[in-house]
C-alpha cells in the first residue's frame, strides 16, 4: 500500500469508530439516526475514493 492508501485506511477506520460511538449517543429516532449514518458513510466513501484516485 502506498502512503495515500494508508492515510485513507486510517481515516476510514476512525470515521467508522466515530460513527458507531455517535449511534450510542444520538438523540434522534433510530430510523433517522440510521439514515444520517448511511448518508455520512456514503459521503465518506466518496471522499476516500476521490483522495485515493486524485
PDB file of N, CA and C in Angstrom:
ATOM      1  N   UNK A   1       0.852  -1.180   0.000  1.00  0.00           N
ATOM      2  CA  UNK A   1       0.000   0.000   0.000  1.00  0.00           C
ATOM      3  C   UNK A   1       0.892   1.235   0.000  1.00  0.00           C
ATOM      4  N   UNK A   2       0.407   2.254  -0.699  1.00  0.00           N
ATOM      5  CA  UNK A   2       1.181   3.486  -0.688  1.00  0.00           C
ATOM      6  C   UNK A   2       0.697   4.409   0.429  1.00  0.00           C
ATOM      7  N   UNK A   3       1.346   5.543   0.550  1.00  0.00           N
ATOM      8  CA  UNK A   3       1.062   6.439   1.673  1.00  0.00           C
ATOM      9  C   UNK A   3      -0.376   6.949   1.643  1.00  0.00           C
ATOM     10  N   UNK A   4      -0.902   7.279   0.457  1.00  0.00           N
ATOM     11  CA  UNK A   4      -2.283   7.757   0.350  1.00  0.00           C
ATOM     12  C   UNK A   4      -3.271   6.692   0.816  1.00  0.00           C
ATOM     13  N   UNK A   5      -3.034   5.476   0.450  1.00  0.00           N
ATOM     14  CA  UNK A   5      -3.930   4.391   0.847  1.00  0.00           C
ATOM     15  C   UNK A   5      -3.869   4.155   2.352  1.00  0.00           C
ATOM     16  N   UNK A   6      -2.682   4.269   2.941  1.00  0.00           N
ATOM     17  CA  UNK A   6      -2.553   4.120   4.390  1.00  0.00           C
ATOM     18  C   UNK A   6      -3.341   5.200   5.119  1.00  0.00           C
ATOM     19  N   UNK A   7      -3.195   6.436   4.655  1.00  0.00           N
ATOM     20  CA  UNK A   7      -3.921   7.549   5.279  1.00  0.00           C
ATOM     21  C   UNK A   7      -5.424   7.337   5.134  1.00  0.00           C
ATOM     22  N   UNK A   8      -5.864   6.952   3.950  1.00  0.00           N
ATOM     23  CA  UNK A   8      -7.286   6.732   3.711  1.00  0.00           C
ATOM     24  C   UNK A   8      -7.828   5.618   4.600  1.00  0.00           C
ATOM     25  N   UNK A   9      -7.034   4.581   4.802  1.00  0.00           N
ATOM     26  CA  UNK A   9      -7.463   3.473   5.654  1.00  0.00           C
ATOM     27  C   UNK A   9      -7.640   3.938   7.097  1.00  0.00           C
ATOM     28  N   UNK A  10      -6.693   4.703   7.614  1.00  0.00           N
ATOM     29  CA  UNK A  10      -6.799   5.193   8.984  1.00  0.00           C
ATOM     30  C   UNK A  10      -7.967   6.156   9.152  1.00  0.00           C
ATOM     31  N   UNK A  11      -8.205   6.997   8.139  1.00  0.00           N
ATOM     32  CA  UNK A  11      -9.343   7.914   8.187  1.00  0.00           C
ATOM     33  C   UNK A  11     -10.642   7.119   8.196  1.00  0.00           C
ATOM     34  N   UNK A  12     -10.722   6.105   7.366  1.00  0.00           N
ATOM     35  CA  UNK A  12     -11.931   5.286   7.294  1.00  0.00           C
ATOM     36  C   UNK A  12     -12.191   4.561   8.609  1.00  0.00           C
ATOM     37  N   UNK A  13     -11.162   4.008   9.196  1.00  0.00           N
ATOM     38  CA  UNK A  13     -11.325   3.307  10.472  1.00  0.00           C
ATOM     39  C   UNK A  13     -11.790   4.276  11.555  1.00  0.00           C
ATOM     40  N   UNK A  14     -11.183   5.455  11.595  1.00  0.00           N
ATOM     41  CA  UNK A  14     -11.587   6.463  12.575  1.00  0.00           C
ATOM     42  C   UNK A  14     -13.017   6.907  12.379  1.00  0.00           C
ATOM     43  N   UNK A  15     -13.413   7.088  11.119  1.00  0.00           N
ATOM     44  CA  UNK A  15     -14.777   7.514  10.840  1.00  0.00           C
ATOM     45  C   UNK A  15     -15.791   6.439  11.233  1.00  0.00           C
ATOM     46  N   UNK A  16     -15.462   5.201  10.971  1.00  0.00           N
ATOM     47  CA  UNK A  16     -16.364   4.106  11.327  1.00  0.00           C
ATOM     48  C   UNK A  16     -16.516   4.014  12.839  1.00  0.00           C
ATOM     49  N   UNK A  17     -15.399   4.098  13.557  1.00  0.00           N
ATOM     50  CA  UNK A  17     -15.473   4.050  15.017  1.00  0.00           C
ATOM     51  C   UNK A  17     -16.244   5.258  15.565  1.00  0.00           C
ATOM     52  N   UNK A  18     -16.007   6.420  14.995  1.00  0.00           N
ATOM     53  CA  UNK A  18     -16.736   7.614  15.415  1.00  0.00           C
ATOM     54  C   UNK A  18     -18.227   7.477  15.153  1.00  0.00           C
ATOM     55  N   UNK A  19     -18.571   6.897  14.018  1.00  0.00           N
ATOM     56  CA  UNK A  19     -19.980   6.685  13.702  1.00  0.00           C
ATOM     57  C   UNK A  19     -20.657   5.724  14.658  1.00  0.00           C
ATOM     58  N   UNK A  20     -19.963   4.688  15.029  1.00  0.00           N
ATOM     59  CA  UNK A  20     -20.524   3.719  15.982  1.00  0.00           C
ATOM     60  C   UNK A  20     -20.758   4.381  17.335  1.00  0.00           C
ATOM     61  N   UNK A  21     -19.788   5.142  17.789  1.00  0.00           N
ATOM     62  CA  UNK A  21     -19.927   5.835  19.079  1.00  0.00           C
ATOM     63  C   UNK A  21     -21.074   6.839  19.020  1.00  0.00           C
ATOM     64  N   UNK A  22     -21.190   7.545  17.900  1.00  0.00           N
ATOM     65  CA  UNK A  22     -22.263   8.527  17.734  1.00  0.00           C
ATOM     66  C   UNK A  22     -23.637   7.872  17.831  1.00  0.00           C
ATOM     67  N   UNK A  23     -23.769   6.679  17.296  1.00  0.00           N
ATOM     68  CA  UNK A  23     -25.060   5.992  17.339  1.00  0.00           C
ATOM     69  C   UNK A  23     -25.528   5.745  18.774  1.00  0.00           C
ATOM     70  N   UNK A  24     -24.590   5.538  19.668  1.00  0.00           N
ATOM     71  CA  UNK A  24     -24.952   5.299  21.064  1.00  0.00           C
ATOM     72  C   UNK A  24     -25.439   6.558  21.773  1.00  0.00           C
ATOM     73  N   UNK A  25     -25.024   7.717  21.301  1.00  0.00           N
ATOM     74  CA  UNK A  25     -25.365   8.967  21.966  1.00  0.00           C
ATOM     75  C   UNK A  25     -26.347   9.828  21.170  1.00  0.00           C
ATOM     76  N   UNK A  26     -26.890   9.312  20.095  1.00  0.00           N
ATOM     77  CA  UNK A  26     -27.771  10.080  19.218  1.00  0.00           C
ATOM     78  C   UNK A  26     -29.149  10.279  19.861  1.00  0.00           C
ATOM     79  N   UNK A  27     -29.641  11.528  19.890  1.00  0.00           N
ATOM     80  CA  UNK A  27     -30.950  11.781  20.478  1.00  0.00           C
ATOM     81  C   UNK A  27     -32.110  11.559  19.499  1.00  0.00           C
ATOM     82  N   UNK A  28     -31.826  11.306  18.244  1.00  0.00           N
ATOM     83  CA  UNK A  28     -32.876  11.154  17.233  1.00  0.00           C
ATOM     84  C   UNK A  28     -33.464   9.736  17.276  1.00  0.00           C
ATOM     85  N   UNK A  29     -34.586   9.575  16.560  1.00  0.00           N
ATOM     86  CA  UNK A  29     -35.188   8.250  16.430  1.00  0.00           C
ATOM     87  C   UNK A  29     -34.221   7.324  15.705  1.00  0.00           C
ATOM     88  N   UNK A  30     -34.385   6.046  15.911  1.00  0.00           N
ATOM     89  CA  UNK A  30     -33.500   5.069  15.291  1.00  0.00           C
ATOM     90  C   UNK A  30     -33.453   5.147  13.784  1.00  0.00           C
ATOM     91  N   UNK A  31     -34.616   5.294  13.143  1.00  0.00           N
ATOM     92  CA  UNK A  31     -34.651   5.351  11.680  1.00  0.00           C
ATOM     93  C   UNK A  31     -33.939   6.599  11.163  1.00  0.00           C
ATOM     94  N   UNK A  32     -34.097   7.717  11.868  1.00  0.00           N
ATOM     95  CA  UNK A  32     -33.416   8.946  11.455  1.00  0.00           C
ATOM     96  C   UNK A  32     -31.907   8.815  11.634  1.00  0.00           C
ATOM     97  N   UNK A  33     -31.513   8.223  12.731  1.00  0.00           N
ATOM     98  CA  UNK A  33     -30.093   8.045  13.009  1.00  0.00           C
ATOM     99  C   UNK A  33     -29.451   7.129  11.979  1.00  0.00           C
ATOM    100  N   UNK A  34     -30.136   6.048  11.632  1.00  0.00           N
ATOM    101  CA  UNK A  34     -29.596   5.130  10.629  1.00  0.00           C
ATOM    102  C   UNK A  34     -29.465   5.810   9.276  1.00  0.00           C
ATOM    103  N   UNK A  35     -30.435   6.640   8.900  1.00  0.00           N
ATOM    104  CA  UNK A  35     -30.366   7.351   7.619  1.00  0.00           C
ATOM    105  C   UNK A  35     -29.207   8.346   7.610  1.00  0.00           C
ATOM    106  N   UNK A  36     -29.031   9.063   8.710  1.00  0.00           N
ATOM    107  CA  UNK A  36     -27.909  10.007   8.805  1.00  0.00           C
ATOM    108  C   UNK A  36     -26.578   9.266   8.729  1.00  0.00           C
ATOM    109  N   UNK A  37     -26.487   8.130   9.420  1.00  0.00           N
ATOM    110  CA  UNK A  37     -25.256   7.340   9.406  1.00  0.00           C
ATOM    111  C   UNK A  37     -24.965   6.838   7.999  1.00  0.00           C
ATOM    112  N   UNK A  38     -25.992   6.379   7.296  1.00  0.00           N
ATOM    113  CA  UNK A  38     -25.813   5.892   5.922  1.00  0.00           C
ATOM    114  C   UNK A  38     -25.336   7.010   5.021  1.00  0.00           C
ATOM    115  N   UNK A  39     -25.958   8.181   5.142  1.00  0.00           N
ATOM    116  CA  UNK A  39     -25.561   9.317   4.306  1.00  0.00           C
ATOM    117  C   UNK A  39     -24.119   9.734   4.600  1.00  0.00           C
ATOM    118  N   UNK A  40     -23.763   9.771   5.864  1.00  0.00           N
ATOM    119  CA  UNK A  40     -22.403  10.142   6.246  1.00  0.00           C
ATOM    120  C   UNK A  40     -21.399   9.116   5.732  1.00  0.00           C
ATOM    121  N   UNK A  41     -21.742   7.849   5.843  1.00  0.00           N
ATOM    122  CA  UNK A  41     -20.852   6.787   5.374  1.00  0.00           C
ATOM    123  C   UNK A  41     -20.677   6.868   3.864  1.00  0.00           C
ATOM    124  N   UNK A  42     -21.770   7.104   3.134  1.00  0.00           N
ATOM    125  CA  UNK A  42     -21.681   7.232   1.681  1.00  0.00           C
ATOM    126  C   UNK A  42     -20.803   8.417   1.294  1.00  0.00           C
ATOM    127  N   UNK A  43     -20.948   9.545   1.996  1.00  0.00           N
ATOM    128  CA  UNK A  43     -20.114  10.719   1.729  1.00  0.00           C
ATOM    129  C   UNK A  43     -18.647  10.416   2.011  1.00  0.00           C
ATOM    130  N   UNK A  44     -18.394   9.718   3.102  1.00  0.00           N
ATOM    131  CA  UNK A  44     -17.024   9.369   3.461  1.00  0.00           C
ATOM    132  C   UNK A  44     -16.392   8.477   2.403  1.00  0.00           C
ATOM    133  N   UNK A  45     -17.108   7.484   1.954  1.00  0.00           N
ATOM    134  CA  UNK A  45     -16.589   6.577   0.922  1.00  0.00           C
ATOM    135  C   UNK A  45     -16.234   7.359  -0.330  1.00  0.00           C
ATOM    136  N   UNK A  46     -17.092   8.290  -0.724  1.00  0.00           N
ATOM    137  CA  UNK A  46     -16.825   9.101  -1.917  1.00  0.00           C
ATOM    138  C   UNK A  46     -15.577   9.964  -1.721  1.00  0.00           C
ATOM    139  N   UNK A  47     -15.430  10.562  -0.546  1.00  0.00           N
ATOM    140  CA  UNK A  47     -14.251  11.392  -0.273  1.00  0.00           C
ATOM    141  C   UNK A  47     -12.973  10.550  -0.289  1.00  0.00           C
ATOM    142  N   UNK A  48     -13.030   9.359   0.262  1.00  0.00           N
ATOM    143  CA  UNK A  48     -11.865   8.492   0.272  1.00  0.00           C
ATOM    144  C   UNK A  48     -11.484   8.099  -1.161  1.00  0.00           C
ATOM    145  N   UNK A  49     -12.476   7.751  -1.973  1.00  0.00           N
ATOM    146  CA  UNK A  49     -12.197   7.405  -3.370  1.00  0.00           C
ATOM    147  C   UNK A  49     -11.581   8.585  -4.101  1.00  0.00           C
ATOM    148  N   UNK A  50     -12.122   9.782  -3.879  1.00  0.00           N
ATOM    149  CA  UNK A  50     -11.568  10.972  -4.530  1.00  0.00           C
ATOM    150  C   UNK A  50     -10.127  11.217  -4.084  1.00  0.00           C
ATOM    151  N   UNK A  51      -9.850  11.001  -2.799  1.00  0.00           N
ATOM    152  CA  UNK A  51      -8.497  11.206  -2.267  1.00  0.00           C
ATOM    153  C   UNK A  51      -7.519  10.207  -2.866  1.00  0.00           C
ATOM    154  N   UNK A  52      -7.918   8.954  -2.928  1.00  0.00           N
ATOM    155  CA  UNK A  52      -7.018   7.912  -3.423  1.00  0.00           C
ATOM    156  C   UNK A  52      -6.739   8.074  -4.921  1.00  0.00           C
ATOM    157  N   UNK A  53      -7.756   8.391  -5.684  1.00  0.00           N
ATOM    158  CA  UNK A  53      -7.622   8.422  -7.135  1.00  0.00           C
ATOM    159  C   UNK A  53      -7.277   9.786  -7.706  1.00  0.00           C
ATOM    160  N   UNK A  54      -7.040  10.768  -6.832  1.00  0.00           N
ATOM    161  CA  UNK A  54      -6.677  12.089  -7.365  1.00  0.00           C
ATOM    162  C   UNK A  54      -5.178  12.280  -7.369  1.00  0.00           C
TER     163      UNK A  54
END
